[in-house]
Amino acid sequence: MAALPLAGACAPALRTLPSGAGTPAPDGARLFDEATRTCRDVRVLTADVAVSGHVGAGKVRGHLLAGVAAPDSLRLEGAAPFGPPVFVLGAEHGRGTLLLPRASRVLRDAQPAAIVDALAGVTLSPSGLLAILSGCGAPEAPVTGVQAYGGDWVRADQQGGAAVYVHREQNGWRIVSALLPQPDDKTLRVDYTDFSEGRPDAIRLIAPSSDLRLQLSQVDINTTLPARAFTIDVPAAAEPITLDELRQSGLLGGAR
């Protein structure tokens, strides 16, 4: 089964996040509002995403064409240098279809987050991916508490278990990292670097079985995507594939 082209790459050093309880931040709500001003109104995002890092035991480098729309619509294409894409994922209304054009196989009617996990080792819904790509770190949820760490750090804890880290930068307060709950009490860490126009160009996703760097380009915000963008045309000859088979296929470079 074809996989995205393999390549090695050195991961940049992670930013050190503050730890411990911190102290209550009386103006935390205002700071969090300032940090999310460029991402909270993003309802549609399309981008060319260069991917590098590893999934499972395998290294990977390739390109994704991504389109995400609130509340739960997604299209991802794993682009190949020549010929058909490695995969095409379309999802809406909580169900997704993954087509592997080169192998003529299809996974139908699965939860989008489960498909993304089988591909990349991170459990992300379309709304979660939209929040990450737009720079908010975590999907919008009520803030249950805001803690300050000195004068330059704030952590906003959200209902559902996400923690979003906000740092004082030269141009104001900015979301630089988030910790997102995953199944089985695991955690996905999201780190942001290389901002332009208030939005991140570089994103790192770190989970127990994967470490991926995403470099965004050709980003369009709140454009109109037709409904058919999230529907996959499946050839009649395509054979079914299961989530377990997909997970073991090494499609993004490493079987798990």
C-alpha atoms as a PDB file:
ATOM      1  CA  MET A   1       0.000   0.000   0.000  1.00  0.00           C
ATOM      2  CA  ALA A   2       1.419   3.412  -0.943  1.00  0.00           C
ATOM      3  CA  ALA A   3       2.539   5.698   1.857  1.00  0.00           C
ATOM      4  CA  LEU A   4       3.541   9.335   1.923  1.00  0.00           C
ATOM      5  CA  PRO A   5       7.235   9.640   0.993  1.00  0.00           C
ATOM      6  CA  LEU A   6       9.603   8.963   3.900  1.00  0.00           C
ATOM      7  CA  ALA A   7      12.234  11.373   5.131  1.00  0.00           C
ATOM      8  CA  GLY A   8      14.098  12.222   8.317  1.00  0.00           C
ATOM      9  CA  ALA A   9      13.920  15.574  10.068  1.00  0.00           C
ATOM     10  CA  CYS A  10      15.229  16.967  13.336  1.00  0.00           C
ATOM     11  CA  ALA A  11      12.505  18.215  15.659  1.00  0.00           C
ATOM     12  CA  PRO A  12      12.955  21.704  17.109  1.00  0.00           C
ATOM     13  CA  ALA A  13      13.249  22.061  20.878  1.00  0.00           C
ATOM     14  CA  LEU A  14       9.960  22.246  22.720  1.00  0.00           C
ATOM     15  CA  ARG A  15       8.998  25.360  24.592  1.00  0.00           C
ATOM     16  CA  THR A  16       9.043  24.798  28.356  1.00  0.00           C
ATOM     17  CA  LEU A  17       5.548  25.213  29.743  1.00  0.00           C
ATOM     18  CA  PRO A  18       4.933  26.438  33.294  1.00  0.00           C
ATOM     19  CA  SER A  19       3.931  23.771  35.770  1.00  0.00           C
ATOM     20  CA  GLY A  20       2.265  23.668  39.137  1.00  0.00           C
ATOM     21  CA  ALA A  21      -0.890  25.336  40.388  1.00  0.00           C
ATOM     22  CA  GLY A  22      -0.049  28.928  39.518  1.00  0.00           C
ATOM     23  CA  THR A  23      -2.051  31.773  41.047  1.00  0.00           C
ATOM     24  CA  PRO A  24      -5.566  32.967  40.170  1.00  0.00           C
ATOM     25  CA  ALA A  25      -5.510  35.525  37.347  1.00  0.00           C
ATOM     26  CA  PRO A  26      -8.189  38.187  37.969  1.00  0.00           C
ATOM     27  CA  ASP A  27      -7.841  39.527  34.433  1.00  0.00           C
ATOM     28  CA  GLY A  28      -7.403  36.062  32.916  1.00  0.00           C
ATOM     29  CA  ALA A  29     -10.661  36.159  30.970  1.00  0.00           C
ATOM     30  CA  ARG A  30      -9.569  39.381  29.258  1.00  0.00           C
ATOM     31  CA  LEU A  31      -6.141  37.980  28.402  1.00  0.00           C
ATOM     32  CA  PHE A  32      -7.644  34.787  27.016  1.00  0.00           C
ATOM     33  CA  ASP A  33     -10.091  36.846  24.953  1.00  0.00           C
ATOM     34  CA  GLU A  34      -7.185  38.881  23.567  1.00  0.00           C
ATOM     35  CA  ALA A  35      -5.237  35.754  22.688  1.00  0.00           C
ATOM     36  CA  THR A  36      -8.147  34.183  20.795  1.00  0.00           C
ATOM     37  CA  ARG A  37      -9.243  37.268  18.862  1.00  0.00           C
ATOM     38  CA  THR A  38      -7.766  36.069  15.544  1.00  0.00           C
ATOM     39  CA  CYS A  39      -9.010  32.472  15.751  1.00  0.00           C
ATOM     40  CA  ARG A  40     -12.361  32.338  17.528  1.00  0.00           C
ATOM     41  CA  ASP A  41     -14.344  33.566  14.518  1.00  0.00           C
ATOM     42  CA  VAL A  42     -12.755  31.143  12.039  1.00  0.00           C
ATOM     43  CA  ARG A  43     -15.554  28.986  10.661  1.00  0.00           C
ATOM     44  CA  VAL A  44     -13.846  27.686   7.516  1.00  0.00           C
ATOM     45  CA  LEU A  45     -10.149  27.122   6.848  1.00  0.00           C
ATOM     46  CA  THR A  46      -8.333  25.700   3.844  1.00  0.00           C
ATOM     47  CA  ALA A  47      -4.577  25.211   3.643  1.00  0.00           C
ATOM     48  CA  ASP A  48      -1.695  23.388   2.038  1.00  0.00           C
ATOM     49  CA  VAL A  49      -0.008  21.543   4.910  1.00  0.00           C
ATOM     50  CA  ALA A  50       3.544  20.213   4.699  1.00  0.00           C
ATOM     51  CA  VAL A  51       3.895  17.313   7.156  1.00  0.00           C
ATOM     52  CA  SER A  52       7.050  15.849   8.659  1.00  0.00           C
ATOM     53  CA  GLY A  53       7.911  13.787  11.711  1.00  0.00           C
ATOM     54  CA  HIS A  54       6.946  10.261  12.634  1.00  0.00           C
ATOM     55  CA  VAL A  55       3.884   8.082  13.099  1.00  0.00           C
ATOM     56  CA  GLY A  56       4.522   4.894  15.009  1.00  0.00           C
ATOM     57  CA  ALA A  57       8.001   3.634  14.121  1.00  0.00           C
ATOM     58  CA  GLY A  58       8.084   5.256  10.677  1.00  0.00           C
ATOM     59  CA  LYS A  59       9.237   8.697   9.579  1.00  0.00           C
ATOM     60  CA  VAL A  60       7.109  10.673   7.179  1.00  0.00           C
ATOM     61  CA  ARG A  61       7.241  13.748   4.991  1.00  0.00           C
ATOM     62  CA  GLY A  62       4.495  14.805   2.611  1.00  0.00           C
ATOM     63  CA  HIS A  63       1.748  17.295   1.810  1.00  0.00           C
ATOM     64  CA  LEU A  64      -1.886  17.449   2.803  1.00  0.00           C
ATOM     65  CA  LEU A  65      -4.599  19.547   1.220  1.00  0.00           C
ATOM     66  CA  ALA A  66      -6.936  20.437   4.075  1.00  0.00           C
ATOM     67  CA  GLY A  67     -10.396  21.943   4.213  1.00  0.00           C
ATOM     68  CA  VAL A  68     -12.276  22.213   7.512  1.00  0.00           C
ATOM     69  CA  ALA A  69     -15.626  23.862   8.226  1.00  0.00           C
ATOM     70  CA  ALA A  70     -17.581  24.317  11.445  1.00  0.00           C
ATOM     71  CA  PRO A  71     -19.226  22.546  13.030  1.00  0.00           C
ATOM     72  CA  ASP A  72     -17.982  19.145  11.839  1.00  0.00           C
ATOM     73  CA  SER A  73     -17.009  19.018   8.159  1.00  0.00           C
ATOM     74  CA  LEU A  74     -13.594  17.925   6.928  1.00  0.00           C
ATOM     75  CA  ARG A  75     -11.711  17.062   3.766  1.00  0.00           C
ATOM     76  CA  LEU A  76      -8.101  15.882   3.768  1.00  0.00           C
ATOM     77  CA  GLU A  77      -6.107  14.720   0.760  1.00  0.00           C
ATOM     78  CA  GLY A  78      -2.709  13.096   1.051  1.00  0.00           C
ATOM     79  CA  ALA A  79      -1.059  14.495  -2.056  1.00  0.00           C
ATOM     80  CA  ALA A  80       1.423  12.418  -4.058  1.00  0.00           C
ATOM     81  CA  PRO A  81       4.168  13.720  -6.395  1.00  0.00           C
ATOM     82  CA  PHE A  82       2.470  12.016  -9.342  1.00  0.00           C
ATOM     83  CA  GLY A  83      -0.894  10.432  -9.993  1.00  0.00           C
ATOM     84  CA  PRO A  84      -3.827   9.995  -7.623  1.00  0.00           C
ATOM     85  CA  PRO A  85      -3.633  11.099  -3.976  1.00  0.00           C
ATOM     86  CA  VAL A  86      -2.497   8.606  -1.356  1.00  0.00           C
ATOM     87  CA  PHE A  87      -5.810   9.031   0.450  1.00  0.00           C
ATOM     88  CA  VAL A  88      -8.915  11.215   0.462  1.00  0.00           C
ATOM     89  CA  LEU A  89     -10.921  11.686   3.659  1.00  0.00           C
ATOM     90  CA  GLY A  90     -14.329  13.344   3.670  1.00  0.00           C
ATOM     91  CA  ALA A  91     -16.455  13.802   6.791  1.00  0.00           C
ATOM     92  CA  GLU A  92     -19.576  15.592   7.976  1.00  0.00           C
ATOM     93  CA  HIS A  93     -22.358  15.066  10.505  1.00  0.00           C
ATOM     94  CA  GLY A  94     -20.112  12.864  12.630  1.00  0.00           C
ATOM     95  CA  ARG A  95     -19.357  10.228   9.977  1.00  0.00           C
ATOM     96  CA  GLY A  96     -16.466   9.913   7.573  1.00  0.00           C
ATOM     97  CA  THR A  97     -15.328   8.057   4.453  1.00  0.00           C
ATOM     98  CA  LEU A  98     -11.688   7.372   3.617  1.00  0.00           C
ATOM     99  CA  LEU A  99     -10.751   6.370   0.068  1.00  0.00           C
ATOM    100  CA  LEU A 100      -7.357   4.920  -0.845  1.00  0.00           C
ATOM    101  CA  PRO A 101      -7.374   5.523  -4.626  1.00  0.00           C
ATOM    102  CA  ARG A 102      -4.093   3.713  -5.341  1.00  0.00           C
ATOM    103  CA  ALA A 103      -5.154   0.555  -3.502  1.00  0.00           C
ATOM    104  CA  SER A 104      -8.823   0.871  -4.502  1.00  0.00           C
ATOM    105  CA  ARG A 105      -9.944   0.413  -0.898  1.00  0.00           C
ATOM    106  CA  VAL A 106     -12.475   2.337   1.169  1.00  0.00           C
ATOM    107  CA  LEU A 107     -13.422   2.802   4.815  1.00  0.00           C
ATOM    108  CA  ARG A 108     -17.034   3.924   5.126  1.00  0.00           C
ATOM    109  CA  ASP A 109     -19.218   5.405   7.850  1.00  0.00           C
ATOM    110  CA  ALA A 110     -16.604   5.705  10.615  1.00  0.00           C
ATOM    111  CA  GLN A 111     -16.103   8.410  13.210  1.00  0.00           C
ATOM    112  CA  PRO A 112     -13.770  11.058  11.731  1.00  0.00           C
ATOM    113  CA  ALA A 113     -11.670  11.212  14.914  1.00  0.00           C
ATOM    114  CA  ALA A 114     -11.113   7.450  14.734  1.00  0.00           C
ATOM    115  CA  ILE A 115      -9.989   7.694  11.095  1.00  0.00           C
ATOM    116  CA  VAL A 116      -7.538  10.499  11.906  1.00  0.00           C
ATOM    117  CA  ASP A 117      -6.207   8.405  14.802  1.00  0.00           C
ATOM    118  CA  ALA A 118      -5.700   5.383  12.531  1.00  0.00           C
ATOM    119  CA  LEU A 119      -3.834   7.594  10.038  1.00  0.00           C
ATOM    120  CA  ALA A 120      -1.785   9.819  12.319  1.00  0.00           C
ATOM    121  CA  GLY A 121      -1.907   8.510  15.887  1.00  0.00           C
ATOM    122  CA  VAL A 122      -3.886  11.508  17.178  1.00  0.00           C
ATOM    123  CA  THR A 123      -7.601  11.443  17.941  1.00  0.00           C
ATOM    124  CA  LEU A 124      -9.016  14.641  16.425  1.00  0.00           C
ATOM    125  CA  SER A 125     -12.523  15.539  15.321  1.00  0.00           C
ATOM    126  CA  PRO A 126     -13.063  18.091  12.518  1.00  0.00           C
ATOM    127  CA  SER A 127     -13.812  20.768  15.137  1.00  0.00           C
ATOM    128  CA  GLY A 128     -10.607  19.873  16.968  1.00  0.00           C
ATOM    129  CA  LEU A 129      -8.558  20.102  13.780  1.00  0.00           C
ATOM    130  CA  LEU A 130     -10.153  23.452  12.904  1.00  0.00           C
ATOM    131  CA  ALA A 131      -9.262  24.820  16.347  1.00  0.00           C
ATOM    132  CA  ILE A 132      -5.670  23.637  16.013  1.00  0.00           C
ATOM    133  CA  LEU A 133      -5.120  24.927  12.468  1.00  0.00           C
ATOM    134  CA  SER A 134      -6.699  28.301  13.262  1.00  0.00           C
ATOM    135  CA  GLY A 135      -4.474  28.826  16.313  1.00  0.00           C
ATOM    136  CA  CYS A 136      -6.997  28.439  19.137  1.00  0.00           C
ATOM    137  CA  GLY A 137      -5.401  25.224  20.346  1.00  0.00           C
ATOM    138  CA  ALA A 138      -8.625  23.616  21.555  1.00  0.00           C
ATOM    139  CA  PRO A 139     -12.266  23.716  20.444  1.00  0.00           C
ATOM    140  CA  GLU A 140     -14.324  26.438  22.083  1.00  0.00           C
ATOM    141  CA  ALA A 141     -15.560  25.386  25.523  1.00  0.00           C
ATOM    142  CA  PRO A 142     -16.397  27.141  28.802  1.00  0.00           C
ATOM    143  CA  VAL A 143     -13.300  28.226  30.730  1.00  0.00           C
ATOM    144  CA  THR A 144     -13.319  26.714  34.211  1.00  0.00           C
ATOM    145  CA  GLY A 145     -10.301  28.556  35.571  1.00  0.00           C
ATOM    146  CA  VAL A 146      -7.380  30.777  34.616  1.00  0.00           C
ATOM    147  CA  GLN A 147      -4.019  30.574  36.377  1.00  0.00           C
ATOM    148  CA  ALA A 148      -1.099  33.000  36.091  1.00  0.00           C
ATOM    149  CA  TYR A 149       2.585  32.047  36.203  1.00  0.00           C
ATOM    150  CA  GLY A 150       4.572  35.203  36.788  1.00  0.00           C
ATOM    151  CA  GLY A 151       3.872  38.112  34.487  1.00  0.00           C
ATOM    152  CA  ASP A 152       4.229  36.354  31.119  1.00  0.00           C
ATOM    153  CA  TRP A 153       2.230  33.128  31.305  1.00  0.00           C
ATOM    154  CA  VAL A 154      -1.450  32.259  31.702  1.00  0.00           C
ATOM    155  CA  ARG A 155      -3.103  28.834  31.548  1.00  0.00           C
ATOM    156  CA  ALA A 156      -6.807  28.613  30.732  1.00  0.00           C
ATOM    157  CA  ASP A 157      -8.445  25.341  31.790  1.00  0.00           C
ATOM    158  CA  GLN A 158     -11.514  24.417  29.770  1.00  0.00           C
ATOM    159  CA  GLN A 159     -14.502  22.233  30.411  1.00  0.00           C
ATOM    160  CA  GLY A 160     -13.674  18.815  28.988  1.00  0.00           C
ATOM    161  CA  GLY A 161     -10.074  18.793  30.213  1.00  0.00           C
ATOM    162  CA  ALA A 162      -8.155  20.937  27.699  1.00  0.00           C
ATOM    163  CA  ALA A 163      -5.535  23.387  28.963  1.00  0.00           C
ATOM    164  CA  VAL A 164      -4.542  26.313  26.742  1.00  0.00           C
ATOM    165  CA  TYR A 165      -1.288  28.179  27.430  1.00  0.00           C
ATOM    166  CA  VAL A 166      -1.085  31.890  26.666  1.00  0.00           C
ATOM    167  CA  HIS A 167       2.201  33.804  26.606  1.00  0.00           C
ATOM    168  CA  ARG A 168       2.976  37.521  26.563  1.00  0.00           C
ATOM    169  CA  GLU A 169       4.684  38.254  23.241  1.00  0.00           C
ATOM    170  CA  GLN A 170       6.026  41.474  21.761  1.00  0.00           C
ATOM    171  CA  ASN A 171       2.677  42.197  20.087  1.00  0.00           C
ATOM    172  CA  GLY A 172       0.446  41.092  22.965  1.00  0.00           C
ATOM    173  CA  TRP A 173      -0.879  37.856  24.432  1.00  0.00           C
ATOM    174  CA  ARG A 174      -0.857  34.807  22.199  1.00  0.00           C
ATOM    175  CA  ILE A 175      -1.787  31.114  22.424  1.00  0.00           C
ATOM    176  CA  VAL A 176       1.451  29.168  22.101  1.00  0.00           C
ATOM    177  CA  SER A 177       0.497  25.679  23.303  1.00  0.00           C
ATOM    178  CA  ALA A 178      -2.360  23.430  24.391  1.00  0.00           C
ATOM    179  CA  LEU A 179      -2.767  20.078  26.092  1.00  0.00           C
ATOM    180  CA  LEU A 180      -5.760  18.110  24.820  1.00  0.00           C
ATOM    181  CA  PRO A 181      -7.211  14.974  26.408  1.00  0.00           C
ATOM    182  CA  GLN A 182      -7.022  11.798  24.329  1.00  0.00           C
ATOM    183  CA  PRO A 183      -8.543   8.349  24.877  1.00  0.00           C
ATOM    184  CA  ASP A 184      -7.102   6.133  27.625  1.00  0.00           C
ATOM    185  CA  ASP A 185      -5.995   9.134  29.719  1.00  0.00           C
ATOM    186  CA  LYS A 186      -3.390  10.148  27.141  1.00  0.00           C
ATOM    187  CA  THR A 187      -2.585  13.702  26.073  1.00  0.00           C
ATOM    188  CA  LEU A 188      -1.997  15.473  22.778  1.00  0.00           C
ATOM    189  CA  ARG A 189       0.304  18.475  22.983  1.00  0.00           C
ATOM    190  CA  VAL A 190      -0.063  21.278  20.434  1.00  0.00           C
ATOM    191  CA  ASP A 191       2.742  23.820  20.001  1.00  0.00           C
ATOM    192  CA  TYR A 192       2.714  26.939  17.811  1.00  0.00           C
ATOM    193  CA  THR A 193       5.607  28.871  16.244  1.00  0.00           C
ATOM    194  CA  ASP A 194       6.224  31.142  13.238  1.00  0.00           C
ATOM    195  CA  PHE A 195       3.187  33.391  13.336  1.00  0.00           C
ATOM    196  CA  SER A 196       2.010  35.688  10.553  1.00  0.00           C
ATOM    197  CA  GLU A 197      -0.972  38.023  10.729  1.00  0.00           C
ATOM    198  CA  GLY A 198      -1.715  36.670  14.189  1.00  0.00           C
ATOM    199  CA  ARG A 199      -2.033  33.048  13.045  1.00  0.00           C
ATOM    200  CA  PRO A 200       0.473  30.199  13.276  1.00  0.00           C
ATOM    201  CA  ASP A 201       2.379  28.997  10.235  1.00  0.00           C
ATOM    202  CA  ALA A 202       4.077  26.132  12.094  1.00  0.00           C
ATOM    203  CA  ILE A 203       2.325  23.632  14.367  1.00  0.00           C
ATOM    204  CA  ARG A 204       3.704  20.619  16.207  1.00  0.00           C
ATOM    205  CA  LEU A 205       1.491  17.756  17.408  1.00  0.00           C
ATOM    206  CA  ILE A 206       2.968  15.396  19.993  1.00  0.00           C
ATOM    207  CA  ALA A 207       1.138  12.260  21.101  1.00  0.00           C
ATOM    208  CA  PRO A 208       2.350   8.957  22.589  1.00  0.00           C
ATOM    209  CA  SER A 209       2.657   7.319  19.156  1.00  0.00           C
ATOM    210  CA  SER A 210       3.380  10.278  16.894  1.00  0.00           C
ATOM    211  CA  ASP A 211       5.273  13.554  16.592  1.00  0.00           C
ATOM    212  CA  LEU A 212       4.214  15.638  13.603  1.00  0.00           C
ATOM    213  CA  ARG A 213       5.264  19.080  12.370  1.00  0.00           C
ATOM    214  CA  LEU A 214       2.787  20.925  10.200  1.00  0.00           C
ATOM    215  CA  GLN A 215       3.867  23.875   8.046  1.00  0.00           C
ATOM    216  CA  LEU A 216       0.880  25.806   6.722  1.00  0.00           C
ATOM    217  CA  SER A 217       0.781  27.771   3.486  1.00  0.00           C
ATOM    218  CA  GLN A 218      -1.884  29.036   1.092  1.00  0.00           C
ATOM    219  CA  VAL A 219      -4.212  29.567   4.070  1.00  0.00           C
ATOM    220  CA  ASP A 220      -7.676  30.906   3.326  1.00  0.00           C
ATOM    221  CA  ILE A 221     -10.090  31.852   6.100  1.00  0.00           C
ATOM    222  CA  ASN A 222     -13.901  31.825   5.975  1.00  0.00           C
ATOM    223  CA  THR A 223     -14.164  31.080   2.295  1.00  0.00           C
ATOM    224  CA  THR A 224     -17.186  29.259   0.896  1.00  0.00           C
ATOM    225  CA  LEU A 225     -16.774  25.517   0.435  1.00  0.00           C
ATOM    226  CA  PRO A 226     -19.457  23.615  -1.478  1.00  0.00           C
ATOM    227  CA  ALA A 227     -21.171  20.745   0.324  1.00  0.00           C
ATOM    228  CA  ARG A 228     -19.804  18.279  -2.251  1.00  0.00           C
ATOM    229  CA  ALA A 229     -16.262  19.055  -1.009  1.00  0.00           C
ATOM    230  CA  PHE A 230     -16.911  16.779   1.970  1.00  0.00           C
ATOM    231  CA  THR A 231     -18.418  13.933  -0.052  1.00  0.00           C
ATOM    232  CA  ILE A 232     -16.177  11.221  -1.488  1.00  0.00           C
ATOM    233  CA  ASP A 233     -16.966   9.590  -4.828  1.00  0.00           C
ATOM    234  CA  VAL A 234     -16.144   5.946  -4.222  1.00  0.00           C
ATOM    235  CA  PRO A 235     -15.508   3.704  -7.253  1.00  0.00           C
ATOM    236  CA  ALA A 236     -17.789   0.687  -7.395  1.00  0.00           C
ATOM    237  CA  ALA A 237     -14.771  -1.650  -7.463  1.00  0.00           C
ATOM    238  CA  ALA A 238     -13.277  -0.321  -4.198  1.00  0.00           C
ATOM    239  CA  GLU A 239     -12.835  -3.037  -1.563  1.00  0.00           C
ATOM    240  CA  PRO A 240     -13.553  -2.340   2.107  1.00  0.00           C
ATOM    241  CA  ILE A 241     -10.810  -1.749   4.669  1.00  0.00           C
ATOM    242  CA  THR A 242     -11.235  -1.692   8.447  1.00  0.00           C
ATOM    243  CA  LEU A 243      -9.839   0.772  10.982  1.00  0.00           C
ATOM    244  CA  ASP A 244      -7.490  -1.904  12.312  1.00  0.00           C
ATOM    245  CA  GLU A 245      -6.193  -2.658   8.824  1.00  0.00           C
ATOM    246  CA  LEU A 246      -5.708   1.046   8.184  1.00  0.00           C
ATOM    247  CA  ARG A 247      -3.806   1.418  11.461  1.00  0.00           C
ATOM    248  CA  GLN A 248      -1.508  -1.459  10.538  1.00  0.00           C
ATOM    249  CA  SER A 249      -1.015  -0.344   6.938  1.00  0.00           C
ATOM    250  CA  GLY A 250       1.709   2.201   7.671  1.00  0.00           C
ATOM    251  CA  LEU A 251      -0.020   4.655   5.333  1.00  0.00           C
ATOM    252  CA  LEU A 252       1.717   7.636   6.932  1.00  0.00           C
ATOM    253  CA  GLY A 253       4.975   5.823   7.405  1.00  0.00           C
ATOM    254  CA  GLY A 254       4.645   3.447  10.331  1.00  0.00           C
ATOM    255  CA  ALA A 255       2.303   0.627  11.322  1.00  0.00           C
ATOM    256  CA  ARG A 256       1.023   0.737  14.914  1.00  0.00           C
END
